[in-house]
Amino acid sequence: MTTAGEIMHRGAQWIPAHETLDRAAQLMRELGVGALPISDENERLCGILTDRDIVVGCVAMGHDPSKVTAGEMAKGTPRWIESSADIGDVLHEMREHQIRRLPVIENKRLVGMISESDLVEHLGEDEIAAFTESVYARTMPSGH
């Protein structure tokens, strides 16, 4: 059985909810990532911030990223998975909620992230095709 802990990218780092989006963008650049889990004051997951969120939800709206916080961008119920979860559970969670990045938790602490590229390294072609169809088919506008 392949587990979430075996396929995740280790070294994921939180961005505190009070931190500004310009700092989040700098941290993304430093880490070479496109998403950061957002933590509340108790280091509990309260959302995921993506580079796209910063561009579309802040900059394109005319807001100043040095004045908007990561917490202000956190929307919805954050999804996560235990490091001991089977890869089938990972796929189910990502498909069910149409998400492309999934934080991995162990003993209530962030230990890694699973992205689409992590899945590609561990799945067969049929599984990759099914995952891609289930996540992207519902998010693409008709005619594209």
N, C-alpha and C. Protein backbone atom coordinates (compact mmCIF):
# COMPACT_ATOMS: atom_id res chain seq x y z
N MET A 1 0.84 -1.19 0.00
CA MET A 1 0.00 0.00 0.00
C MET A 1 0.88 1.24 0.00
N THR A 2 0.70 2.09 -0.99
CA THR A 2 1.41 3.36 -1.06
C THR A 2 0.62 4.38 -0.24
N THR A 3 1.32 5.15 0.61
CA THR A 3 0.65 6.11 1.48
C THR A 3 0.93 7.55 1.05
N ALA A 4 0.12 8.45 1.58
CA ALA A 4 0.30 9.87 1.32
C ALA A 4 1.70 10.32 1.72
N GLY A 5 2.18 9.81 2.86
CA GLY A 5 3.51 10.18 3.34
C GLY A 5 4.62 9.76 2.40
N GLU A 6 4.39 8.70 1.63
CA GLU A 6 5.41 8.22 0.70
C GLU A 6 5.46 9.02 -0.59
N ILE A 7 4.36 9.62 -0.98
CA ILE A 7 4.34 10.34 -2.26
C ILE A 7 4.41 11.86 -2.11
N MET A 8 4.22 12.35 -0.90
CA MET A 8 4.17 13.80 -0.69
C MET A 8 5.53 14.44 -0.91
N HIS A 9 5.49 15.72 -1.13
CA HIS A 9 6.68 16.54 -1.20
C HIS A 9 6.93 17.05 0.22
N ARG A 10 8.03 16.63 0.81
CA ARG A 10 8.35 17.04 2.18
C ARG A 10 8.79 18.49 2.23
N GLY A 11 8.74 19.04 3.41
CA GLY A 11 9.25 20.38 3.62
C GLY A 11 8.24 21.48 3.34
N ALA A 12 6.97 21.13 3.30
CA ALA A 12 5.94 22.16 3.11
C ALA A 12 6.02 23.14 4.27
N GLN A 13 5.70 24.37 3.98
CA GLN A 13 5.78 25.41 5.00
C GLN A 13 4.48 26.19 5.06
N TRP A 14 4.05 26.54 6.26
CA TRP A 14 2.87 27.37 6.46
C TRP A 14 3.16 28.81 6.08
N ILE A 15 2.11 29.54 5.80
CA ILE A 15 2.15 31.00 5.80
C ILE A 15 1.11 31.41 6.86
N PRO A 16 1.51 32.16 7.88
CA PRO A 16 0.53 32.58 8.89
C PRO A 16 -0.56 33.45 8.27
N ALA A 17 -1.77 33.31 8.76
CA ALA A 17 -2.92 34.04 8.23
C ALA A 17 -2.71 35.55 8.27
N HIS A 18 -1.94 36.05 9.23
CA HIS A 18 -1.72 37.49 9.36
C HIS A 18 -0.67 38.03 8.39
N GLU A 19 0.05 37.14 7.71
CA GLU A 19 1.12 37.55 6.79
C GLU A 19 0.53 38.14 5.51
N THR A 20 1.18 39.14 4.94
CA THR A 20 0.68 39.81 3.74
C THR A 20 0.98 38.99 2.49
N LEU A 21 0.24 39.29 1.43
CA LEU A 21 0.39 38.55 0.18
C LEU A 21 1.72 38.82 -0.51
N ASP A 22 2.30 39.99 -0.33
CA ASP A 22 3.62 40.22 -0.93
C ASP A 22 4.65 39.30 -0.27
N ARG A 23 4.54 39.11 1.04
CA ARG A 23 5.45 38.19 1.73
C ARG A 23 5.18 36.75 1.30
N ALA A 24 3.91 36.41 1.11
CA ALA A 24 3.56 35.06 0.64
C ALA A 24 4.19 34.81 -0.72
N ALA A 25 4.12 35.79 -1.62
CA ALA A 25 4.71 35.64 -2.95
C ALA A 25 6.22 35.46 -2.85
N GLN A 26 6.85 36.20 -1.96
CA GLN A 26 8.30 36.06 -1.77
C GLN A 26 8.64 34.66 -1.25
N LEU A 27 7.84 34.16 -0.32
CA LEU A 27 8.07 32.83 0.23
C LEU A 27 7.86 31.76 -0.83
N MET A 28 6.85 31.93 -1.68
CA MET A 28 6.63 30.99 -2.78
C MET A 28 7.84 30.96 -3.70
N ARG A 29 8.37 32.14 -3.99
CA ARG A 29 9.56 32.22 -4.86
C ARG A 29 10.75 31.52 -4.21
N GLU A 30 10.97 31.78 -2.92
CA GLU A 30 12.09 31.17 -2.19
C GLU A 30 12.00 29.65 -2.16
N LEU A 31 10.78 29.15 -1.98
CA LEU A 31 10.56 27.70 -1.87
C LEU A 31 10.36 27.03 -3.22
N GLY A 32 10.12 27.82 -4.27
CA GLY A 32 9.86 27.25 -5.59
C GLY A 32 8.53 26.52 -5.67
N VAL A 33 7.51 27.09 -5.01
CA VAL A 33 6.18 26.48 -4.99
C VAL A 33 5.14 27.46 -5.48
N GLY A 34 3.96 26.94 -5.84
CA GLY A 34 2.87 27.78 -6.30
C GLY A 34 1.71 27.86 -5.33
N ALA A 35 1.88 27.25 -4.15
CA ALA A 35 0.80 27.26 -3.15
C ALA A 35 1.40 27.10 -1.76
N LEU A 36 0.73 27.73 -0.79
CA LEU A 36 1.14 27.61 0.60
C LEU A 36 -0.09 27.36 1.46
N PRO A 37 0.00 26.41 2.39
CA PRO A 37 -1.08 26.26 3.37
C PRO A 37 -1.09 27.49 4.28
N ILE A 38 -2.26 27.93 4.67
CA ILE A 38 -2.40 29.08 5.57
C ILE A 38 -2.72 28.53 6.96
N SER A 39 -2.00 29.03 7.98
CA SER A 39 -2.24 28.59 9.34
C SER A 39 -2.84 29.72 10.17
N ASP A 40 -3.70 29.33 11.11
CA ASP A 40 -4.23 30.32 12.04
C ASP A 40 -3.22 30.48 13.19
N GLU A 41 -3.61 31.24 14.21
CA GLU A 41 -2.70 31.51 15.32
C GLU A 41 -2.34 30.25 16.12
N ASN A 42 -3.12 29.19 15.97
CA ASN A 42 -2.85 27.92 16.67
C ASN A 42 -2.16 26.90 15.77
N GLU A 43 -1.63 27.36 14.63
CA GLU A 43 -0.99 26.50 13.63
C GLU A 43 -1.92 25.40 13.12
N ARG A 44 -3.18 25.77 12.94
CA ARG A 44 -4.15 24.87 12.34
C ARG A 44 -4.45 25.36 10.94
N LEU A 45 -4.64 24.42 10.04
CA LEU A 45 -4.90 24.73 8.64
C LEU A 45 -6.21 25.51 8.51
N CYS A 46 -6.13 26.67 7.86
CA CYS A 46 -7.36 27.44 7.64
C CYS A 46 -7.56 27.78 6.17
N GLY A 47 -6.67 27.29 5.31
CA GLY A 47 -6.83 27.52 3.88
C GLY A 47 -5.56 27.23 3.12
N ILE A 48 -5.65 27.42 1.81
CA ILE A 48 -4.51 27.27 0.91
C ILE A 48 -4.46 28.54 0.07
N LEU A 49 -3.30 29.11 -0.07
CA LEU A 49 -3.09 30.30 -0.89
C LEU A 49 -2.27 29.91 -2.10
N THR A 50 -2.76 30.24 -3.29
CA THR A 50 -2.02 29.93 -4.52
C THR A 50 -1.50 31.21 -5.15
N ASP A 51 -0.52 31.06 -6.02
CA ASP A 51 -0.02 32.21 -6.76
C ASP A 51 -1.14 32.84 -7.59
N ARG A 52 -2.03 32.00 -8.09
CA ARG A 52 -3.17 32.50 -8.87
C ARG A 52 -4.11 33.34 -7.99
N ASP A 53 -4.31 32.91 -6.73
CA ASP A 53 -5.14 33.70 -5.80
C ASP A 53 -4.58 35.11 -5.65
N ILE A 54 -3.26 35.20 -5.53
CA ILE A 54 -2.62 36.51 -5.35
C ILE A 54 -2.84 37.38 -6.58
N VAL A 55 -2.65 36.80 -7.75
CA VAL A 55 -2.77 37.57 -8.99
C VAL A 55 -4.23 37.93 -9.28
N VAL A 56 -5.10 36.93 -9.29
CA VAL A 56 -6.51 37.16 -9.68
C VAL A 56 -7.32 37.80 -8.56
N GLY A 57 -7.12 37.35 -7.33
CA GLY A 57 -7.94 37.83 -6.23
C GLY A 57 -7.46 39.11 -5.58
N CYS A 58 -6.23 39.50 -5.86
CA CYS A 58 -5.70 40.72 -5.25
C CYS A 58 -5.24 41.71 -6.32
N VAL A 59 -4.16 41.39 -7.01
CA VAL A 59 -3.55 42.33 -7.96
C VAL A 59 -4.53 42.75 -9.06
N ALA A 60 -5.19 41.77 -9.69
CA ALA A 60 -6.11 42.09 -10.79
C ALA A 60 -7.34 42.87 -10.31
N MET A 61 -7.61 42.81 -9.02
CA MET A 61 -8.74 43.56 -8.45
C MET A 61 -8.32 44.96 -8.02
N GLY A 62 -7.03 45.29 -8.22
CA GLY A 62 -6.54 46.62 -7.88
C GLY A 62 -6.15 46.77 -6.42
N HIS A 63 -6.03 45.66 -5.69
CA HIS A 63 -5.65 45.74 -4.28
C HIS A 63 -4.13 45.68 -4.14
N ASP A 64 -3.65 46.18 -3.03
CA ASP A 64 -2.22 46.21 -2.75
C ASP A 64 -1.83 44.94 -1.98
N PRO A 65 -0.98 44.08 -2.57
CA PRO A 65 -0.61 42.83 -1.89
C PRO A 65 0.17 43.04 -0.59
N SER A 66 0.66 44.24 -0.35
CA SER A 66 1.34 44.50 0.92
C SER A 66 0.35 44.86 2.02
N LYS A 67 -0.93 44.97 1.64
CA LYS A 67 -1.96 45.33 2.63
C LYS A 67 -3.03 44.24 2.81
N VAL A 68 -3.03 43.23 1.95
CA VAL A 68 -4.01 42.14 2.04
C VAL A 68 -3.30 40.95 2.67
N THR A 69 -3.97 40.29 3.61
CA THR A 69 -3.34 39.15 4.30
C THR A 69 -3.76 37.81 3.67
N ALA A 70 -2.95 36.82 3.95
CA ALA A 70 -3.25 35.46 3.48
C ALA A 70 -4.60 35.01 4.03
N GLY A 71 -4.87 35.33 5.28
CA GLY A 71 -6.13 34.95 5.91
C GLY A 71 -7.35 35.54 5.22
N GLU A 72 -7.21 36.74 4.68
CA GLU A 72 -8.31 37.37 3.96
C GLU A 72 -8.62 36.64 2.66
N MET A 73 -7.65 35.92 2.12
CA MET A 73 -7.83 35.18 0.87
C MET A 73 -8.33 33.75 1.12
N ALA A 74 -8.24 33.27 2.36
CA ALA A 74 -8.66 31.90 2.68
C ALA A 74 -10.17 31.80 2.55
N LYS A 75 -10.62 30.86 1.72
CA LYS A 75 -12.06 30.67 1.49
C LYS A 75 -12.39 29.19 1.59
N GLY A 76 -13.59 28.89 2.01
CA GLY A 76 -14.05 27.50 2.03
C GLY A 76 -13.43 26.68 3.15
N THR A 77 -13.73 25.40 3.11
CA THR A 77 -13.22 24.47 4.11
C THR A 77 -11.93 23.86 3.60
N PRO A 78 -10.84 24.04 4.34
CA PRO A 78 -9.58 23.46 3.87
C PRO A 78 -9.61 21.93 3.91
N ARG A 79 -9.03 21.32 2.92
CA ARG A 79 -8.96 19.86 2.82
C ARG A 79 -7.54 19.43 3.14
N TRP A 80 -7.38 18.28 3.75
CA TRP A 80 -6.07 17.73 4.08
C TRP A 80 -6.21 16.22 4.21
N ILE A 81 -5.06 15.56 4.36
CA ILE A 81 -5.08 14.10 4.51
C ILE A 81 -3.98 13.69 5.47
N GLU A 82 -4.22 12.60 6.20
CA GLU A 82 -3.21 12.06 7.11
C GLU A 82 -2.10 11.40 6.30
N SER A 83 -0.89 11.45 6.80
CA SER A 83 0.25 10.87 6.08
C SER A 83 0.12 9.36 5.91
N SER A 84 -0.64 8.71 6.78
CA SER A 84 -0.82 7.25 6.70
C SER A 84 -1.90 6.82 5.71
N ALA A 85 -2.63 7.79 5.13
CA ALA A 85 -3.73 7.47 4.21
C ALA A 85 -3.20 6.81 2.94
N ASP A 86 -3.97 5.88 2.42
CA ASP A 86 -3.64 5.18 1.18
C ASP A 86 -3.76 6.14 -0.01
N ILE A 87 -3.00 5.89 -1.06
CA ILE A 87 -3.04 6.73 -2.25
C ILE A 87 -4.44 6.79 -2.86
N GLY A 88 -5.22 5.72 -2.69
CA GLY A 88 -6.61 5.74 -3.16
C GLY A 88 -7.43 6.79 -2.44
N ASP A 89 -7.17 6.97 -1.14
CA ASP A 89 -7.85 8.00 -0.36
C ASP A 89 -7.41 9.40 -0.81
N VAL A 90 -6.14 9.53 -1.14
CA VAL A 90 -5.62 10.80 -1.66
C VAL A 90 -6.36 11.16 -2.94
N LEU A 91 -6.42 10.21 -3.86
CA LEU A 91 -7.10 10.45 -5.14
C LEU A 91 -8.57 10.80 -4.92
N HIS A 92 -9.22 10.08 -4.04
CA HIS A 92 -10.64 10.34 -3.76
C HIS A 92 -10.83 11.77 -3.24
N GLU A 93 -10.00 12.17 -2.29
CA GLU A 93 -10.12 13.51 -1.70
C GLU A 93 -9.90 14.59 -2.76
N MET A 94 -8.89 14.40 -3.59
CA MET A 94 -8.58 15.41 -4.61
C MET A 94 -9.65 15.44 -5.70
N ARG A 95 -10.15 14.28 -6.10
CA ARG A 95 -11.21 14.22 -7.11
C ARG A 95 -12.51 14.80 -6.57
N GLU A 96 -12.90 14.34 -5.40
CA GLU A 96 -14.17 14.75 -4.80
C GLU A 96 -14.28 16.26 -4.65
N HIS A 97 -13.17 16.89 -4.29
CA HIS A 97 -13.19 18.32 -4.02
C HIS A 97 -12.53 19.15 -5.13
N GLN A 98 -12.16 18.47 -6.23
CA GLN A 98 -11.55 19.11 -7.39
C GLN A 98 -10.38 20.02 -6.98
N ILE A 99 -9.46 19.44 -6.23
CA ILE A 99 -8.30 20.20 -5.78
C ILE A 99 -7.03 19.61 -6.38
N ARG A 100 -6.06 20.45 -6.55
CA ARG A 100 -4.82 20.06 -7.22
C ARG A 100 -3.64 19.95 -6.26
N ARG A 101 -3.83 20.43 -5.04
CA ARG A 101 -2.80 20.35 -4.01
C ARG A 101 -3.46 19.96 -2.70
N LEU A 102 -2.81 19.05 -1.98
CA LEU A 102 -3.41 18.53 -0.76
C LEU A 102 -2.37 18.51 0.36
N PRO A 103 -2.59 19.29 1.43
CA PRO A 103 -1.67 19.24 2.57
C PRO A 103 -1.72 17.87 3.25
N VAL A 104 -0.57 17.44 3.74
CA VAL A 104 -0.46 16.17 4.45
C VAL A 104 -0.12 16.47 5.91
N ILE A 105 -0.91 15.87 6.80
CA ILE A 105 -0.80 16.13 8.23
C ILE A 105 -0.38 14.85 8.95
N GLU A 106 0.46 15.03 9.96
CA GLU A 106 0.88 13.91 10.82
C GLU A 106 0.94 14.46 12.24
N ASN A 107 0.25 13.81 13.16
CA ASN A 107 0.20 14.28 14.55
C ASN A 107 -0.21 15.75 14.63
N LYS A 108 -1.20 16.12 13.83
CA LYS A 108 -1.78 17.46 13.78
C LYS A 108 -0.80 18.53 13.30
N ARG A 109 0.26 18.11 12.63
CA ARG A 109 1.26 19.05 12.10
C ARG A 109 1.43 18.85 10.61
N LEU A 110 1.66 19.92 9.89
CA LEU A 110 1.92 19.87 8.45
C LEU A 110 3.28 19.21 8.22
N VAL A 111 3.29 18.16 7.40
CA VAL A 111 4.56 17.47 7.10
C VAL A 111 4.87 17.48 5.60
N GLY A 112 3.89 17.83 4.77
CA GLY A 112 4.15 17.84 3.34
C GLY A 112 2.94 18.26 2.54
N MET A 113 3.12 18.27 1.22
CA MET A 113 2.04 18.58 0.29
C MET A 113 2.08 17.56 -0.83
N ILE A 114 0.92 17.23 -1.34
CA ILE A 114 0.82 16.38 -2.53
C ILE A 114 0.25 17.24 -3.64
N SER A 115 0.96 17.26 -4.76
CA SER A 115 0.52 18.00 -5.93
C SER A 115 0.29 17.02 -7.06
N GLU A 116 -0.20 17.55 -8.16
CA GLU A 116 -0.41 16.71 -9.34
C GLU A 116 0.89 16.06 -9.80
N SER A 117 1.99 16.79 -9.72
CA SER A 117 3.26 16.20 -10.16
C SER A 117 3.69 15.04 -9.27
N ASP A 118 3.35 15.09 -7.99
CA ASP A 118 3.63 13.96 -7.10
C ASP A 118 2.82 12.74 -7.51
N LEU A 119 1.58 12.97 -7.90
CA LEU A 119 0.72 11.87 -8.34
C LEU A 119 1.26 11.23 -9.62
N VAL A 120 1.69 12.08 -10.55
CA VAL A 120 2.18 11.59 -11.84
C VAL A 120 3.35 10.61 -11.63
N GLU A 121 4.18 10.89 -10.65
CA GLU A 121 5.33 10.03 -10.38
C GLU A 121 4.95 8.67 -9.81
N HIS A 122 3.73 8.55 -9.26
CA HIS A 122 3.35 7.32 -8.55
C HIS A 122 2.14 6.59 -9.12
N LEU A 123 1.54 7.12 -10.17
CA LEU A 123 0.35 6.49 -10.74
C LEU A 123 0.64 5.96 -12.14
N GLY A 124 -0.15 4.99 -12.55
CA GLY A 124 -0.08 4.49 -13.92
C GLY A 124 -0.81 5.44 -14.85
N GLU A 125 -0.63 5.24 -16.15
CA GLU A 125 -1.24 6.12 -17.15
C GLU A 125 -2.76 6.17 -17.04
N ASP A 126 -3.40 5.01 -16.82
CA ASP A 126 -4.86 4.98 -16.71
C ASP A 126 -5.35 5.77 -15.50
N GLU A 127 -4.64 5.64 -14.38
CA GLU A 127 -5.01 6.37 -13.17
C GLU A 127 -4.82 7.87 -13.35
N ILE A 128 -3.75 8.25 -14.02
CA ILE A 128 -3.49 9.67 -14.28
C ILE A 128 -4.59 10.25 -15.17
N ALA A 129 -4.95 9.52 -16.21
CA ALA A 129 -6.00 9.97 -17.13
C ALA A 129 -7.33 10.13 -16.39
N ALA A 130 -7.68 9.16 -15.56
CA ALA A 130 -8.93 9.23 -14.81
C ALA A 130 -8.92 10.41 -13.84
N PHE A 131 -7.79 10.62 -13.17
CA PHE A 131 -7.69 11.74 -12.23
C PHE A 131 -7.82 13.07 -12.97
N THR A 132 -7.09 13.21 -14.05
CA THR A 132 -7.12 14.45 -14.83
C THR A 132 -8.53 14.75 -15.32
N GLU A 133 -9.19 13.74 -15.85
CA GLU A 133 -10.55 13.93 -16.33
C GLU A 133 -11.49 14.35 -15.21
N SER A 134 -11.37 13.72 -14.06
CA SER A 134 -12.29 14.02 -12.96
C SER A 134 -12.07 15.40 -12.37
N VAL A 135 -10.83 15.88 -12.34
CA VAL A 135 -10.55 17.18 -11.75
C VAL A 135 -10.74 18.31 -12.75
N TYR A 136 -10.28 18.10 -13.99
CA TYR A 136 -10.31 19.19 -14.96
C TYR A 136 -11.59 19.25 -15.79
N ALA A 137 -12.24 18.13 -16.04
CA ALA A 137 -13.42 18.13 -16.90
C ALA A 137 -14.51 19.02 -16.34
N ARG A 138 -14.69 19.03 -15.03
CA ARG A 138 -15.75 19.84 -14.43
C ARG A 138 -15.34 21.30 -14.27
N THR A 139 -14.03 21.62 -14.38
CA THR A 139 -13.62 22.99 -14.18
C THR A 139 -13.44 23.77 -15.47
N MET A 140 -13.41 23.08 -16.60
CA MET A 140 -13.22 23.74 -17.89
C MET A 140 -14.55 24.29 -18.38
N PRO A 141 -14.55 25.52 -18.89
CA PRO A 141 -15.78 26.04 -19.49
C PRO A 141 -16.16 25.23 -20.71
N SER A 142 -17.44 25.14 -21.00
CA SER A 142 -17.89 24.36 -22.16
C SER A 142 -17.31 24.98 -23.43
N GLY A 143 -16.97 24.11 -24.36
CA GLY A 143 -16.40 24.55 -25.61
C GLY A 143 -14.88 24.63 -25.60
N HIS A 144 -14.26 24.34 -24.45
CA HIS A 144 -12.78 24.40 -24.36
C HIS A 144 -12.21 23.02 -24.17
